[in-house]
Amino acid sequence: MTDSIEKRAAKRGDKRQRLVAAAASVLHERGVERTTIADIARAADVPVGNVYYYFKTKDELVEAALDRHAEYLDALTARLDELADPRERLKSLVAGWVEAREVAARHGCPTGTLAVELDKRDEGGLDLAAGLVIRRLLDWVERQYREMGVDEPDGHALALVGAYQGMSLLASALRDPEVMTREGARLVREIDALT
């Protein structure tokens, strides 16, 4: 009997995870306002009625998608932290951004585009949650610059993350992934030039 309970719990968890993954993907591709719960259910291959077992509102799905972005960022920075040199960590971060240039050219930065869209809503809700994910990235980048011993590591972090958001936006607006390639190379040169 315990075996079947555990299997049902695992299956429920699998559906929830599929819904979160689908929400992160569909919201990135279509935006919050254009995405329906039915769109997310369809992408997750979960009956629409079952969605409400896990998430009562679309905003709960948006929040779960933001949590997934934060988890992805934490996993990424943990992998980058395995590199001994903070300069190499930053350059690898930029390389990852450039690798995702096709997606950026179509949809922009997953977290950045959500942050911009959610900022148009009433303050104090999901807009803050999106800002916290971006703050995580800023804090990590600032630590790298601090380890390198550069002056004003917070300013360098803002410039680097701002450049990423800008190049993602421009690549998307122009539908030109090579914006990411060119700007990524420029950022790497700037990182290498820091003493």
N, C-alpha and C. Protein backbone atom coordinates (compact mmCIF):
# COMPACT_ATOMS: atom_id res chain seq x y z
N MET A 1 0.82 -1.19 0.00
CA MET A 1 0.00 0.00 0.00
C MET A 1 0.86 1.26 0.00
N THR A 2 1.93 1.26 0.79
CA THR A 2 2.83 2.42 0.84
C THR A 2 3.45 2.67 -0.52
N ASP A 3 3.74 1.58 -1.23
CA ASP A 3 4.33 1.72 -2.56
C ASP A 3 3.43 2.52 -3.51
N SER A 4 2.14 2.23 -3.51
CA SER A 4 1.23 2.93 -4.41
C SER A 4 1.06 4.39 -4.00
N ILE A 5 1.09 4.67 -2.70
CA ILE A 5 1.02 6.06 -2.23
C ILE A 5 2.24 6.83 -2.71
N GLU A 6 3.41 6.22 -2.59
CA GLU A 6 4.65 6.88 -3.03
C GLU A 6 4.64 7.10 -4.54
N LYS A 7 4.13 6.12 -5.29
CA LYS A 7 4.06 6.27 -6.75
C LYS A 7 3.11 7.40 -7.14
N ARG A 8 1.96 7.48 -6.45
CA ARG A 8 1.02 8.56 -6.74
C ARG A 8 1.64 9.92 -6.41
N ALA A 9 2.35 9.99 -5.29
CA ALA A 9 3.00 11.25 -4.89
C ALA A 9 4.06 11.64 -5.91
N ALA A 10 4.83 10.66 -6.38
CA ALA A 10 5.86 10.95 -7.39
C ALA A 10 5.21 11.41 -8.69
N LYS A 11 4.11 10.78 -9.07
CA LYS A 11 3.41 11.18 -10.29
C LYS A 11 2.87 12.60 -10.16
N ARG A 12 2.30 12.94 -8.98
CA ARG A 12 1.81 14.29 -8.75
C ARG A 12 2.96 15.29 -8.85
N GLY A 13 4.09 14.94 -8.24
CA GLY A 13 5.27 15.81 -8.30
C GLY A 13 5.75 16.00 -9.72
N ASP A 14 5.67 14.92 -10.51
CA ASP A 14 6.07 15.00 -11.91
C ASP A 14 5.18 15.97 -12.67
N LYS A 15 3.87 15.91 -12.42
CA LYS A 15 2.95 16.84 -13.09
C LYS A 15 3.25 18.27 -12.68
N ARG A 16 3.49 18.47 -11.41
CA ARG A 16 3.79 19.82 -10.93
C ARG A 16 5.06 20.34 -11.61
N GLN A 17 6.08 19.50 -11.65
CA GLN A 17 7.34 19.91 -12.28
C GLN A 17 7.15 20.21 -13.76
N ARG A 18 6.33 19.39 -14.43
CA ARG A 18 6.05 19.64 -15.84
C ARG A 18 5.33 20.97 -16.01
N LEU A 19 4.40 21.26 -15.12
CA LEU A 19 3.68 22.54 -15.19
C LEU A 19 4.62 23.72 -14.97
N VAL A 20 5.53 23.59 -14.02
CA VAL A 20 6.48 24.69 -13.74
C VAL A 20 7.40 24.89 -14.94
N ALA A 21 7.92 23.80 -15.49
CA ALA A 21 8.80 23.90 -16.66
C ALA A 21 8.05 24.52 -17.84
N ALA A 22 6.82 24.07 -18.05
CA ALA A 22 6.02 24.62 -19.15
C ALA A 22 5.72 26.09 -18.91
N ALA A 23 5.40 26.45 -17.68
CA ALA A 23 5.12 27.86 -17.37
C ALA A 23 6.34 28.72 -17.67
N ALA A 24 7.52 28.28 -17.24
CA ALA A 24 8.73 29.07 -17.50
C ALA A 24 8.95 29.25 -19.00
N SER A 25 8.75 28.20 -19.76
CA SER A 25 8.96 28.26 -21.20
C SER A 25 7.90 29.10 -21.92
N VAL A 26 6.64 28.81 -21.65
CA VAL A 26 5.56 29.50 -22.36
C VAL A 26 5.51 30.97 -21.98
N LEU A 27 5.70 31.28 -20.71
CA LEU A 27 5.70 32.69 -20.29
C LEU A 27 6.84 33.45 -20.96
N HIS A 28 7.99 32.81 -21.12
CA HIS A 28 9.11 33.45 -21.80
C HIS A 28 8.77 33.70 -23.26
N GLU A 29 8.16 32.73 -23.90
CA GLU A 29 7.85 32.84 -25.32
C GLU A 29 6.69 33.80 -25.61
N ARG A 30 5.65 33.77 -24.77
CA ARG A 30 4.43 34.52 -25.08
C ARG A 30 4.19 35.73 -24.19
N GLY A 31 4.83 35.75 -23.01
CA GLY A 31 4.57 36.82 -22.06
C GLY A 31 3.43 36.45 -21.13
N VAL A 32 3.35 37.15 -20.02
CA VAL A 32 2.36 36.84 -18.99
C VAL A 32 0.94 37.10 -19.49
N GLU A 33 0.74 38.26 -20.06
CA GLU A 33 -0.63 38.65 -20.42
C GLU A 33 -1.20 37.81 -21.56
N ARG A 34 -0.36 37.34 -22.46
CA ARG A 34 -0.85 36.56 -23.60
C ARG A 34 -0.93 35.07 -23.31
N THR A 35 -0.43 34.65 -22.15
CA THR A 35 -0.43 33.23 -21.80
C THR A 35 -1.63 32.91 -20.93
N THR A 36 -2.28 31.81 -21.25
CA THR A 36 -3.39 31.35 -20.43
C THR A 36 -2.97 30.09 -19.67
N ILE A 37 -3.74 29.77 -18.66
CA ILE A 37 -3.48 28.52 -17.93
C ILE A 37 -3.62 27.34 -18.88
N ALA A 38 -4.55 27.43 -19.83
CA ALA A 38 -4.73 26.35 -20.82
C ALA A 38 -3.48 26.19 -21.68
N ASP A 39 -2.82 27.29 -22.03
CA ASP A 39 -1.57 27.21 -22.80
C ASP A 39 -0.51 26.43 -22.03
N ILE A 40 -0.40 26.74 -20.75
CA ILE A 40 0.61 26.07 -19.91
C ILE A 40 0.25 24.60 -19.73
N ALA A 41 -1.03 24.31 -19.49
CA ALA A 41 -1.46 22.92 -19.33
C ALA A 41 -1.17 22.11 -20.59
N ARG A 42 -1.47 22.70 -21.75
CA ARG A 42 -1.23 22.03 -23.02
C ARG A 42 0.27 21.73 -23.20
N ALA A 43 1.11 22.71 -22.90
CA ALA A 43 2.56 22.52 -23.05
C ALA A 43 3.09 21.47 -22.07
N ALA A 44 2.45 21.36 -20.90
CA ALA A 44 2.89 20.38 -19.89
C ALA A 44 2.24 19.02 -20.09
N ASP A 45 1.29 18.94 -21.05
CA ASP A 45 0.53 17.72 -21.28
C ASP A 45 -0.20 17.27 -20.01
N VAL A 46 -0.86 18.26 -19.40
CA VAL A 46 -1.64 18.05 -18.18
C VAL A 46 -3.05 18.59 -18.45
N PRO A 47 -4.09 17.85 -18.10
CA PRO A 47 -5.45 18.39 -18.28
C PRO A 47 -5.62 19.72 -17.54
N VAL A 48 -6.31 20.65 -18.16
CA VAL A 48 -6.46 21.98 -17.59
C VAL A 48 -7.02 21.92 -16.18
N GLY A 49 -8.01 21.08 -15.96
CA GLY A 49 -8.60 20.98 -14.63
C GLY A 49 -7.62 20.56 -13.55
N ASN A 50 -6.61 19.78 -13.94
CA ASN A 50 -5.61 19.32 -12.97
C ASN A 50 -4.66 20.43 -12.54
N VAL A 51 -4.53 21.46 -13.35
CA VAL A 51 -3.63 22.56 -13.01
C VAL A 51 -4.02 23.16 -11.67
N TYR A 52 -5.32 23.29 -11.45
CA TYR A 52 -5.81 23.95 -10.23
C TYR A 52 -5.54 23.15 -8.97
N TYR A 53 -5.19 21.89 -9.11
CA TYR A 53 -4.78 21.09 -7.96
C TYR A 53 -3.44 21.61 -7.42
N TYR A 54 -2.60 22.10 -8.33
CA TYR A 54 -1.26 22.55 -7.97
C TYR A 54 -1.16 24.07 -7.84
N PHE A 55 -1.87 24.78 -8.69
CA PHE A 55 -1.79 26.24 -8.75
C PHE A 55 -3.19 26.81 -8.86
N LYS A 56 -3.55 27.64 -7.94
CA LYS A 56 -4.91 28.19 -7.92
C LYS A 56 -5.10 29.32 -8.93
N THR A 57 -4.00 30.02 -9.27
CA THR A 57 -4.10 31.16 -10.18
C THR A 57 -2.91 31.15 -11.16
N LYS A 58 -3.06 31.92 -12.20
CA LYS A 58 -1.94 32.07 -13.14
C LYS A 58 -0.76 32.74 -12.45
N ASP A 59 -1.03 33.67 -11.55
CA ASP A 59 0.06 34.33 -10.84
C ASP A 59 0.90 33.34 -10.03
N GLU A 60 0.27 32.30 -9.49
CA GLU A 60 1.04 31.27 -8.79
C GLU A 60 1.95 30.53 -9.75
N LEU A 61 1.49 30.33 -10.97
CA LEU A 61 2.35 29.71 -12.00
C LEU A 61 3.50 30.65 -12.38
N VAL A 62 3.21 31.93 -12.48
CA VAL A 62 4.26 32.91 -12.79
C VAL A 62 5.31 32.90 -11.68
N GLU A 63 4.84 32.88 -10.45
CA GLU A 63 5.77 32.84 -9.31
C GLU A 63 6.63 31.57 -9.34
N ALA A 64 6.01 30.44 -9.67
CA ALA A 64 6.75 29.18 -9.78
C ALA A 64 7.78 29.26 -10.91
N ALA A 65 7.41 29.91 -12.01
CA ALA A 65 8.37 30.07 -13.12
C ALA A 65 9.54 30.93 -12.68
N LEU A 66 9.28 32.00 -11.92
CA LEU A 66 10.37 32.83 -11.41
C LEU A 66 11.26 32.03 -10.46
N ASP A 67 10.65 31.19 -9.63
CA ASP A 67 11.45 30.32 -8.75
C ASP A 67 12.33 29.40 -9.57
N ARG A 68 11.78 28.91 -10.68
CA ARG A 68 12.59 28.03 -11.55
C ARG A 68 13.76 28.81 -12.15
N HIS A 69 13.52 30.06 -12.56
CA HIS A 69 14.62 30.89 -13.07
C HIS A 69 15.69 31.07 -12.00
N ALA A 70 15.26 31.28 -10.76
CA ALA A 70 16.21 31.45 -9.65
C ALA A 70 17.00 30.16 -9.43
N GLU A 71 16.33 29.01 -9.48
CA GLU A 71 17.02 27.72 -9.33
C GLU A 71 18.03 27.52 -10.44
N TYR A 72 17.65 27.85 -11.67
CA TYR A 72 18.57 27.72 -12.80
C TYR A 72 19.79 28.61 -12.58
N LEU A 73 19.55 29.85 -12.16
CA LEU A 73 20.65 30.78 -11.91
C LEU A 73 21.56 30.26 -10.82
N ASP A 74 20.99 29.73 -9.74
CA ASP A 74 21.80 29.18 -8.65
C ASP A 74 22.64 28.01 -9.13
N ALA A 75 22.06 27.15 -9.95
CA ALA A 75 22.81 26.00 -10.47
C ALA A 75 23.93 26.47 -11.40
N LEU A 76 23.62 27.45 -12.23
CA LEU A 76 24.62 28.00 -13.15
C LEU A 76 25.78 28.62 -12.39
N THR A 77 25.48 29.48 -11.43
CA THR A 77 26.55 30.15 -10.70
C THR A 77 27.34 29.15 -9.84
N ALA A 78 26.69 28.10 -9.36
CA ALA A 78 27.41 27.07 -8.61
C ALA A 78 28.43 26.37 -9.52
N ARG A 79 28.02 26.09 -10.77
CA ARG A 79 28.96 25.48 -11.73
C ARG A 79 30.10 26.44 -12.04
N LEU A 80 29.78 27.71 -12.22
CA LEU A 80 30.82 28.70 -12.52
C LEU A 80 31.76 28.89 -11.33
N ASP A 81 31.23 28.76 -10.12
CA ASP A 81 32.07 28.90 -8.92
C ASP A 81 33.13 27.81 -8.82
N GLU A 82 32.97 26.74 -9.58
CA GLU A 82 33.98 25.68 -9.59
C GLU A 82 35.25 26.13 -10.30
N LEU A 83 35.14 27.17 -11.13
CA LEU A 83 36.33 27.72 -11.78
C LEU A 83 37.12 28.51 -10.75
N ALA A 84 38.43 28.37 -10.78
CA ALA A 84 39.27 28.98 -9.74
C ALA A 84 39.36 30.50 -9.85
N ASP A 85 39.30 31.03 -11.07
CA ASP A 85 39.56 32.44 -11.31
C ASP A 85 38.25 33.20 -11.55
N PRO A 86 37.99 34.28 -10.78
CA PRO A 86 36.75 35.03 -10.98
C PRO A 86 36.64 35.64 -12.38
N ARG A 87 37.76 35.98 -12.98
CA ARG A 87 37.73 36.51 -14.35
C ARG A 87 37.19 35.45 -15.31
N GLU A 88 37.65 34.22 -15.13
CA GLU A 88 37.17 33.12 -15.98
C GLU A 88 35.70 32.82 -15.70
N ARG A 89 35.26 32.99 -14.45
CA ARG A 89 33.84 32.80 -14.14
C ARG A 89 32.99 33.79 -14.92
N LEU A 90 33.40 35.06 -14.90
CA LEU A 90 32.65 36.08 -15.62
C LEU A 90 32.66 35.83 -17.12
N LYS A 91 33.80 35.47 -17.65
CA LYS A 91 33.89 35.20 -19.09
C LYS A 91 33.03 33.99 -19.47
N SER A 92 32.97 32.99 -18.60
CA SER A 92 32.12 31.83 -18.86
C SER A 92 30.65 32.19 -18.78
N LEU A 93 30.30 33.10 -17.88
CA LEU A 93 28.93 33.59 -17.81
C LEU A 93 28.54 34.25 -19.13
N VAL A 94 29.40 35.11 -19.62
CA VAL A 94 29.15 35.80 -20.90
C VAL A 94 29.06 34.77 -22.03
N ALA A 95 29.95 33.77 -22.01
CA ALA A 95 29.91 32.73 -23.05
C ALA A 95 28.56 32.01 -23.04
N GLY A 96 28.02 31.77 -21.85
CA GLY A 96 26.70 31.14 -21.75
C GLY A 96 25.60 32.02 -22.33
N TRP A 97 25.71 33.32 -22.09
CA TRP A 97 24.74 34.24 -22.68
C TRP A 97 24.80 34.17 -24.21
N VAL A 98 26.02 34.14 -24.73
CA VAL A 98 26.19 34.11 -26.19
C VAL A 98 25.68 32.78 -26.75
N GLU A 99 25.92 31.69 -26.03
CA GLU A 99 25.42 30.38 -26.50
C GLU A 99 23.90 30.39 -26.65
N ALA A 100 23.21 31.15 -25.81
CA ALA A 100 21.74 31.21 -25.84
C ALA A 100 21.24 32.30 -26.77
N ARG A 101 22.08 32.73 -27.71
CA ARG A 101 21.74 33.88 -28.56
C ARG A 101 20.51 33.66 -29.43
N GLU A 102 20.27 32.45 -29.88
CA GLU A 102 19.09 32.20 -30.73
C GLU A 102 17.80 32.40 -29.93
N VAL A 103 17.79 31.93 -28.71
CA VAL A 103 16.61 32.11 -27.85
C VAL A 103 16.46 33.58 -27.50
N ALA A 104 17.56 34.24 -27.17
CA ALA A 104 17.51 35.67 -26.84
C ALA A 104 17.00 36.48 -28.03
N ALA A 105 17.43 36.10 -29.23
CA ALA A 105 17.01 36.85 -30.42
C ALA A 105 15.51 36.68 -30.68
N ARG A 106 14.96 35.62 -30.19
CA ARG A 106 13.52 35.39 -30.40
C ARG A 106 12.67 35.93 -29.25
N HIS A 107 13.18 35.78 -28.01
CA HIS A 107 12.34 36.09 -26.85
C HIS A 107 12.99 36.98 -25.79
N GLY A 108 14.24 37.34 -25.94
CA GLY A 108 14.91 38.14 -24.92
C GLY A 108 15.36 37.29 -23.74
N CYS A 109 15.78 37.95 -22.69
CA CYS A 109 16.20 37.27 -21.46
C CYS A 109 14.97 36.75 -20.73
N PRO A 110 14.97 35.50 -20.30
CA PRO A 110 13.78 34.97 -19.63
C PRO A 110 13.35 35.78 -18.41
N THR A 111 14.27 36.11 -17.55
CA THR A 111 13.92 36.86 -16.34
C THR A 111 13.70 38.33 -16.65
N GLY A 112 14.53 38.89 -17.50
CA GLY A 112 14.41 40.31 -17.83
C GLY A 112 13.09 40.65 -18.50
N THR A 113 12.65 39.81 -19.42
CA THR A 113 11.39 40.09 -20.10
C THR A 113 10.21 39.97 -19.13
N LEU A 114 10.28 38.98 -18.22
CA LEU A 114 9.23 38.87 -17.21
C LEU A 114 9.24 40.08 -16.29
N ALA A 115 10.44 40.52 -15.89
CA ALA A 115 10.55 41.67 -14.99
C ALA A 115 9.92 42.92 -15.61
N VAL A 116 10.19 43.14 -16.89
CA VAL A 116 9.64 44.32 -17.57
C VAL A 116 8.12 44.23 -17.63
N GLU A 117 7.62 43.06 -17.98
CA GLU A 117 6.17 42.90 -18.08
C GLU A 117 5.50 43.02 -16.71
N LEU A 118 6.07 42.41 -15.70
CA LEU A 118 5.46 42.43 -14.36
C LEU A 118 5.56 43.81 -13.72
N ASP A 119 6.53 44.60 -14.15
CA ASP A 119 6.69 45.95 -13.61
C ASP A 119 5.50 46.85 -13.98
N LYS A 120 4.77 46.48 -14.99
CA LYS A 120 3.62 47.28 -15.43
C LYS A 120 2.39 47.03 -14.54
N ARG A 121 2.49 46.07 -13.65
CA ARG A 121 1.39 45.77 -12.73
C ARG A 121 1.54 46.61 -11.47
N ASP A 122 0.57 46.45 -10.57
CA ASP A 122 0.66 47.12 -9.27
C ASP A 122 1.94 46.70 -8.55
N GLU A 123 2.54 47.63 -7.86
CA GLU A 123 3.79 47.36 -7.14
C GLU A 123 3.56 46.46 -5.95
N GLY A 124 4.62 45.74 -5.60
CA GLY A 124 4.61 44.95 -4.39
C GLY A 124 4.24 43.50 -4.57
N GLY A 125 4.13 43.06 -5.80
CA GLY A 125 3.76 41.67 -6.05
C GLY A 125 4.87 40.93 -6.77
N LEU A 126 4.51 40.37 -7.91
CA LEU A 126 5.45 39.57 -8.68
C LEU A 126 6.58 40.41 -9.26
N ASP A 127 6.37 41.72 -9.40
CA ASP A 127 7.44 42.59 -9.87
C ASP A 127 8.65 42.51 -8.93
N LEU A 128 8.38 42.43 -7.64
CA LEU A 128 9.46 42.32 -6.67
C LEU A 128 10.16 40.96 -6.76
N ALA A 129 9.38 39.91 -7.01
CA ALA A 129 9.95 38.57 -7.14
C ALA A 129 10.90 38.51 -8.34
N ALA A 130 10.51 39.13 -9.45
CA ALA A 130 11.39 39.15 -10.62
C ALA A 130 12.65 39.95 -10.32
N GLY A 131 12.50 41.05 -9.62
CA GLY A 131 13.66 41.86 -9.25
C GLY A 131 14.63 41.10 -8.36
N LEU A 132 14.11 40.24 -7.51
CA LEU A 132 14.98 39.46 -6.62
C LEU A 132 15.85 38.47 -7.40
N VAL A 133 15.30 37.91 -8.48
CA VAL A 133 16.09 36.99 -9.30
C VAL A 133 17.23 37.77 -9.97
N ILE A 134 16.93 38.93 -10.49
CA ILE A 134 17.97 39.75 -11.12
C ILE A 134 18.98 40.20 -10.07
N ARG A 135 18.52 40.52 -8.87
CA ARG A 135 19.43 40.91 -7.78
C ARG A 135 20.40 39.79 -7.45
N ARG A 136 19.94 38.53 -7.51
CA ARG A 136 20.83 37.39 -7.27
C ARG A 136 21.99 37.40 -8.25
N LEU A 137 21.66 37.64 -9.52
CA LEU A 137 22.71 37.68 -10.54
C LEU A 137 23.66 38.84 -10.28
N LEU A 138 23.10 40.01 -9.99
CA LEU A 138 23.95 41.18 -9.71
C LEU A 138 24.89 40.91 -8.54
N ASP A 139 24.37 40.33 -7.48
CA ASP A 139 25.20 40.04 -6.30
C ASP A 139 26.33 39.08 -6.63
N TRP A 140 26.02 38.05 -7.42
CA TRP A 140 27.05 37.08 -7.79
C TRP A 140 28.12 37.76 -8.65
N VAL A 141 27.70 38.53 -9.63
CA VAL A 141 28.66 39.22 -10.50
C VAL A 141 29.51 40.19 -9.68
N GLU A 142 28.89 40.91 -8.76
CA GLU A 142 29.65 41.84 -7.92
C GLU A 142 30.72 41.11 -7.11
N ARG A 143 30.38 39.93 -6.59
CA ARG A 143 31.38 39.15 -5.84
C ARG A 143 32.58 38.81 -6.71
N GLN A 144 32.34 38.52 -7.98
CA GLN A 144 33.45 38.17 -8.87
C GLN A 144 34.38 39.38 -9.04
N TYR A 145 33.78 40.54 -9.28
CA TYR A 145 34.59 41.75 -9.43
C TYR A 145 35.31 42.09 -8.13
N ARG A 146 34.66 41.88 -7.01
CA ARG A 146 35.30 42.14 -5.72
C ARG A 146 36.51 41.23 -5.54
N GLU A 147 36.34 39.94 -5.89
CA GLU A 147 37.47 38.99 -5.80
C GLU A 147 38.61 39.41 -6.71
N MET A 148 38.28 40.01 -7.83
CA MET A 148 39.32 40.47 -8.76
C MET A 148 40.03 41.71 -8.22
N GLY A 149 39.43 42.37 -7.24
CA GLY A 149 40.04 43.55 -6.64
C GLY A 149 39.84 44.83 -7.43
N VAL A 150 38.82 44.87 -8.29
CA VAL A 150 38.59 46.09 -9.08
C VAL A 150 37.88 47.13 -8.22
N ASP A 151 38.09 48.40 -8.56
CA ASP A 151 37.37 49.48 -7.90
C ASP A 151 35.90 49.42 -8.31
N GLU A 152 35.04 49.80 -7.41
CA GLU A 152 33.59 49.86 -7.66
C GLU A 152 33.03 48.57 -8.25
N PRO A 153 33.17 47.47 -7.54
CA PRO A 153 32.65 46.20 -8.09
C PRO A 153 31.14 46.24 -8.34
N ASP A 154 30.40 47.03 -7.54
CA ASP A 154 28.96 47.12 -7.76
C ASP A 154 28.64 47.81 -9.08
N GLY A 155 29.42 48.83 -9.42
CA GLY A 155 29.23 49.52 -10.69
C GLY A 155 29.56 48.63 -11.88
N HIS A 156 30.62 47.86 -11.75
CA HIS A 156 30.98 46.91 -12.82
C HIS A 156 29.89 45.85 -12.98
N ALA A 157 29.33 45.40 -11.85
CA ALA A 157 28.26 44.40 -11.92
C ALA A 157 27.04 44.96 -12.62
N LEU A 158 26.66 46.18 -12.25
CA LEU A 158 25.52 46.81 -12.92
C LEU A 158 25.77 46.97 -14.42
N ALA A 159 26.98 47.36 -14.77
CA ALA A 159 27.31 47.55 -16.19
C ALA A 159 27.25 46.22 -16.95
N LEU A 160 27.77 45.15 -16.36
CA LEU A 160 27.79 43.85 -17.05
C LEU A 160 26.38 43.29 -17.20
N VAL A 161 25.62 43.27 -16.11
CA VAL A 161 24.26 42.74 -16.19
C VAL A 161 23.38 43.64 -17.06
N GLY A 162 23.59 44.95 -16.96
CA GLY A 162 22.86 45.88 -17.83
C GLY A 162 23.19 45.65 -19.29
N ALA A 163 24.46 45.37 -19.58
CA ALA A 163 24.86 45.08 -20.97
C ALA A 163 24.17 43.81 -21.46
N TYR A 164 24.08 42.81 -20.59
CA TYR A 164 23.38 41.58 -20.97
C TYR A 164 21.92 41.85 -21.29
N GLN A 165 21.26 42.59 -20.40
CA GLN A 165 19.85 42.90 -20.64
C GLN A 165 19.69 43.70 -21.94
N GLY A 166 20.59 44.65 -22.15
CA GLY A 166 20.52 45.46 -23.36
C GLY A 166 20.75 44.65 -24.62
N MET A 167 21.77 43.79 -24.60
CA MET A 167 22.05 43.02 -25.81
C MET A 167 20.95 41.98 -26.06
N SER A 168 20.33 41.46 -25.00
CA SER A 168 19.20 40.54 -25.17
C SER A 168 18.02 41.26 -25.80
N LEU A 169 17.75 42.45 -25.28
CA LEU A 169 16.64 43.25 -25.83
C LEU A 169 16.87 43.59 -27.30
N LEU A 170 18.07 44.06 -27.60
CA LEU A 170 18.37 44.45 -28.99
C LEU A 170 18.38 43.25 -29.92
N ALA A 171 18.94 42.13 -29.47
CA ALA A 171 18.93 40.93 -30.30
C ALA A 171 17.49 40.51 -30.60
N SER A 172 16.62 40.63 -29.60
CA SER A 172 15.21 40.27 -29.80
C SER A 172 14.50 41.28 -30.70
N ALA A 173 14.70 42.55 -30.42
CA ALA A 173 14.01 43.59 -31.22
C ALA A 173 14.44 43.54 -32.68
N LEU A 174 15.72 43.27 -32.91
CA LEU A 174 16.25 43.24 -34.27
C LEU A 174 16.19 41.84 -34.88
N ARG A 175 15.80 40.84 -34.06
CA ARG A 175 15.80 39.44 -34.49
C ARG A 175 17.17 39.06 -35.06
N ASP A 176 18.21 39.49 -34.35
CA ASP A 176 19.58 39.29 -34.82
C ASP A 176 20.43 38.69 -33.71
N PRO A 177 20.63 37.37 -33.71
CA PRO A 177 21.43 36.74 -32.66
C PRO A 177 22.88 37.20 -32.65
N GLU A 178 23.35 37.73 -33.77
CA GLU A 178 24.75 38.16 -33.82
C GLU A 178 25.01 39.39 -32.95
N VAL A 179 23.96 40.10 -32.56
CA VAL A 179 24.12 41.17 -31.57
C VAL A 179 24.74 40.58 -30.31
N MET A 180 24.25 39.42 -29.90
CA MET A 180 24.77 38.74 -28.70
C MET A 180 26.23 38.35 -28.90
N THR A 181 26.55 37.86 -30.09
CA THR A 181 27.92 37.43 -30.37
C THR A 181 28.88 38.62 -30.29
N ARG A 182 28.53 39.70 -30.98
CA ARG A 182 29.41 40.88 -31.00
C ARG A 182 29.56 41.51 -29.63
N GLU A 183 28.42 41.70 -28.95
CA GLU A 183 28.47 42.34 -27.64
C GLU A 183 29.14 41.43 -26.61
N GLY A 184 28.93 40.13 -26.72
CA GLY A 184 29.59 39.18 -25.83
C GLY A 184 31.10 39.26 -25.97
N ALA A 185 31.58 39.35 -27.21
CA ALA A 185 33.03 39.47 -27.44
C ALA A 185 33.56 40.77 -26.84
N ARG A 186 32.79 41.83 -26.97
CA ARG A 186 33.20 43.11 -26.39
C ARG A 186 33.29 43.02 -24.87
N LEU A 187 32.29 42.38 -24.27
CA LEU A 187 32.31 42.23 -22.81
C LEU A 187 33.49 41.40 -22.34
N VAL A 188 33.82 40.35 -23.06
CA VAL A 188 34.98 39.54 -22.70
C VAL A 188 36.25 40.37 -22.78
N ARG A 189 36.38 41.18 -23.82
CA ARG A 189 37.57 42.06 -23.93
C ARG A 189 37.64 43.02 -22.76
N GLU A 190 36.50 43.57 -22.35
CA GLU A 190 36.48 44.48 -21.20
C GLU A 190 36.88 43.76 -19.92
N ILE A 191 36.41 42.56 -19.73
CA ILE A 191 36.77 41.78 -18.54
C ILE A 191 38.27 41.50 -18.54
N ASP A 192 38.81 41.11 -19.72
CA ASP A 192 40.25 40.84 -19.83
C ASP A 192 41.09 42.10 -19.58
N ALA A 193 40.58 43.26 -19.92
CA ALA A 193 41.34 44.49 -19.78
C ALA A 193 41.40 45.00 -18.33
N LEU A 194 40.53 44.49 -17.47
CA LEU A 194 40.53 44.95 -16.07
C LEU A 194 41.80 44.46 -15.36
N THR A 195 42.37 45.36 -14.59
CA THR A 195 43.57 44.97 -13.82
C THR A 195 43.25 44.90 -12.35
